[in-house]
C-alpha cells in the first residue's frame, strides 16, 4: 500500500460519517445511499491529487459529497424509474423523536438541492462561513438563505 492509499484510507475513516450524512439527505433508500457513498469515494480518490490543502479537509469532503449527490439527483430526475416497493421500511422507528426526525427529513427532501445542502450543513453545526465556503456563497447570503429555508420548512405540511 503506497502513501496515497494510506492517506485515502485515513481520510475515509475520519470522514465517513460526513459522507454518509450527505448521501442520506439525498435518498432514504439504503441501496441508493450505498451507491452514492461509493460514487463520493471515487470522486474523492480522483480529486486527492488536486486537493492542495487550500481549505479544511472536512470542507473539501462536504463539497465533493454534495456535488456528487446533487449531480446524481439531477441524473435521477431525468431518468425514467420504476419504483420498487419493500414490505418493510428499514428507516422507520416508532418513537416520537424518530417520527419527528423523519418528518424533517421528508420536508428537507422536498427542497431544491442547493437549499438542501445549506440546511444539511447548518444541521451539522457548521458556521455560516464554513457553509459559504462549501457552497460558494458569502456568509451573509448563507444567513439570508437559511432564514428563508427555515420559513419554507415551517410552512410545509407532510
Protein backbone atom coordinates (compact mmCIF):
# COMPACT_ATOMS: atom_id res chain seq x y z
CA UNK A 1 0.00 0.00 0.00
CA UNK A 2 1.53 3.31 -1.05
CA UNK A 3 1.27 6.57 0.87
CA UNK A 4 -1.63 7.92 -1.25
CA UNK A 5 -3.66 4.81 -0.43
CA UNK A 6 -2.88 5.15 3.28
CA UNK A 7 -3.81 8.84 3.22
CA UNK A 8 -7.06 8.00 1.44
CA UNK A 9 -7.88 5.25 3.93
CA UNK A 10 -7.30 7.67 6.85
CA UNK A 11 -9.44 10.31 5.13
CA UNK A 12 -12.33 7.89 4.61
CA UNK A 13 -12.16 6.62 8.20
CA UNK A 14 -12.21 10.16 9.56
CA UNK A 15 -14.91 11.49 7.21
CA UNK A 16 -17.22 8.51 6.58
CA UNK A 17 -19.91 9.92 8.89
CA UNK A 18 -19.89 13.20 6.98
CA UNK A 19 -20.11 11.41 3.63
CA UNK A 20 -22.90 9.13 4.81
CA UNK A 21 -24.89 12.06 6.23
CA UNK A 22 -24.78 13.91 2.92
CA UNK A 23 -25.74 10.77 0.98
CA UNK A 24 -28.64 10.05 3.34
CA UNK A 25 -30.02 13.56 2.82
CA UNK A 26 -30.35 12.81 -0.89
CA UNK A 27 -32.00 9.40 -0.53
CA UNK A 28 -33.70 7.21 2.04
CA UNK A 29 -33.14 4.04 0.01
CA UNK A 30 -30.29 2.01 1.54
CA UNK A 31 -29.01 0.76 -1.84
CA UNK A 32 -29.04 4.21 -3.36
CA UNK A 33 -27.24 5.65 -0.30
CA UNK A 34 -24.57 2.94 -0.69
CA UNK A 35 -24.23 3.77 -4.41
CA UNK A 36 -23.91 7.49 -3.64
CA UNK A 37 -21.33 6.74 -0.93
CA UNK A 38 -19.25 4.73 -3.43
CA UNK A 39 -19.50 7.46 -6.04
CA UNK A 40 -18.33 10.04 -3.49
CA UNK A 41 -15.35 7.81 -2.64
CA UNK A 42 -14.44 7.56 -6.32
CA UNK A 43 -14.63 11.35 -6.70
CA UNK A 44 -12.57 11.90 -3.54
CA UNK A 45 -9.93 9.48 -4.84
CA UNK A 46 -9.84 11.25 -8.22
CA UNK A 47 -9.60 14.65 -6.54
CA UNK A 48 -6.98 13.82 -3.92
CA UNK A 49 -4.05 14.94 -6.04
CA UNK A 50 -5.78 18.25 -6.78
CA UNK A 51 -6.59 18.94 -3.13
CA UNK A 52 -3.72 21.12 -2.04
CA UNK A 53 -4.96 21.92 1.44
CA UNK A 54 -6.28 25.35 0.41
CA UNK A 55 -9.33 24.63 2.54
CA UNK A 56 -10.18 22.47 5.52
CA UNK A 57 -10.33 18.73 4.67
CA UNK A 58 -13.86 18.49 6.09
CA UNK A 59 -14.98 21.40 3.91
CA UNK A 60 -13.46 19.72 0.84
CA UNK A 61 -15.15 16.39 1.67
CA UNK A 62 -18.51 18.15 2.11
CA UNK A 63 -18.08 19.94 -1.22
CA UNK A 64 -17.20 16.75 -3.11
CA UNK A 65 -20.01 14.82 -1.38
CA UNK A 66 -22.62 17.49 -2.08
CA UNK A 67 -21.56 17.96 -5.71
CA UNK A 68 -21.64 14.19 -6.26
CA UNK A 69 -25.09 13.82 -4.70
CA UNK A 70 -26.52 16.87 -6.48
CA UNK A 71 -25.25 15.54 -9.83
CA UNK A 72 -26.72 12.11 -9.13
CA UNK A 73 -30.01 13.74 -8.07
CA UNK A 74 -30.20 15.62 -11.37
CA UNK A 75 -29.47 12.44 -13.36
CA UNK A 76 -32.09 10.55 -11.36
CA UNK A 77 -34.76 13.15 -12.14
CA UNK A 78 -34.00 12.84 -15.87
CA UNK A 79 -34.13 9.04 -15.93
CA UNK A 80 -37.35 7.07 -16.07
CA UNK A 81 -37.52 4.97 -12.94
CA UNK A 82 -39.72 2.14 -11.86
CA UNK A 83 -40.31 2.29 -8.10
CA UNK A 84 -39.71 -0.90 -6.17
CA UNK A 85 -41.70 -1.49 -3.04
CA UNK A 86 -40.45 -3.21 0.07
CA UNK A 87 -42.69 -4.80 2.65
CA UNK A 88 -40.68 -3.19 5.46
CA UNK A 89 -39.11 0.21 5.93
CA UNK A 90 -35.66 -0.17 7.46
CA UNK A 91 -35.58 3.53 8.30
CA UNK A 92 -38.84 3.50 10.25
CA UNK A 93 -38.79 3.81 14.02
CA UNK A 94 -41.78 4.22 16.30
CA UNK A 95 -40.59 6.64 19.00
CA UNK A 96 -41.56 10.33 18.88
CA UNK A 97 -38.02 11.58 18.22
CA UNK A 98 -37.66 9.26 15.24
CA UNK A 99 -41.01 10.33 13.82
CA UNK A 100 -40.07 14.00 14.11
CA UNK A 101 -36.67 13.38 12.52
CA UNK A 102 -38.34 11.51 9.65
CA UNK A 103 -40.85 14.34 9.20
CA UNK A 104 -37.98 16.84 8.99
CA UNK A 105 -36.09 14.60 6.56
CA UNK A 106 -39.17 14.37 4.33
CA UNK A 107 -39.58 18.13 4.30
CA UNK A 108 -35.89 18.71 3.59
CA UNK A 109 -36.07 16.19 0.73
CA UNK A 110 -38.67 18.44 -0.95
CA UNK A 111 -36.26 21.39 -1.05
CA UNK A 112 -34.09 22.06 -4.07
CA UNK A 113 -30.57 20.58 -3.99
CA UNK A 114 -28.87 23.88 -3.11
CA UNK A 115 -31.23 24.65 -0.21
CA UNK A 116 -30.99 21.02 0.92
CA UNK A 117 -27.20 21.34 1.02
CA UNK A 118 -27.32 24.55 3.05
CA UNK A 119 -29.76 23.19 5.67
CA UNK A 120 -27.78 19.96 5.91
CA UNK A 121 -24.56 21.84 6.63
CA UNK A 122 -26.35 24.01 9.19
CA UNK A 123 -27.75 20.89 10.88
CA UNK A 124 -24.15 19.62 11.04
CA UNK A 125 -23.35 22.71 13.18
CA UNK A 126 -21.12 24.33 10.58
CA UNK A 127 -20.61 28.08 10.86
CA UNK A 128 -22.06 30.40 8.22
CA UNK A 129 -18.51 30.99 6.98
CA UNK A 130 -17.88 27.25 6.59
CA UNK A 131 -21.22 26.73 4.85
CA UNK A 132 -20.46 29.60 2.49
CA UNK A 133 -17.07 28.11 1.73
CA UNK A 134 -18.59 24.72 0.88
CA UNK A 135 -21.41 26.01 -1.33
CA UNK A 136 -19.63 29.06 -2.75
CA UNK A 137 -21.63 31.99 -1.33
CA UNK A 138 -20.96 34.66 1.30
CA UNK A 139 -21.71 34.11 5.00
CA UNK A 140 -24.33 36.92 4.81
CA UNK A 141 -26.02 35.15 1.89
CA UNK A 142 -26.00 31.91 3.93
CA UNK A 143 -27.79 33.75 6.74
CA UNK A 144 -30.49 35.10 4.42
CA UNK A 145 -30.98 31.76 2.63
CA UNK A 146 -31.17 29.85 5.93
CA UNK A 147 -33.89 32.17 7.19
CA UNK A 148 -35.90 31.60 4.00
CA UNK A 149 -35.30 27.84 4.08
CA UNK A 150 -36.47 27.59 7.70
CA UNK A 151 -39.61 29.58 6.86
CA UNK A 152 -40.26 27.29 3.90
CA UNK A 153 -39.85 24.21 6.10
CA UNK A 154 -42.21 25.61 8.73
CA UNK A 155 -44.84 26.24 6.04
CA UNK A 156 -44.72 22.70 4.67
CA UNK A 157 -47.13 20.01 5.67
CA UNK A 158 -46.49 16.31 5.42
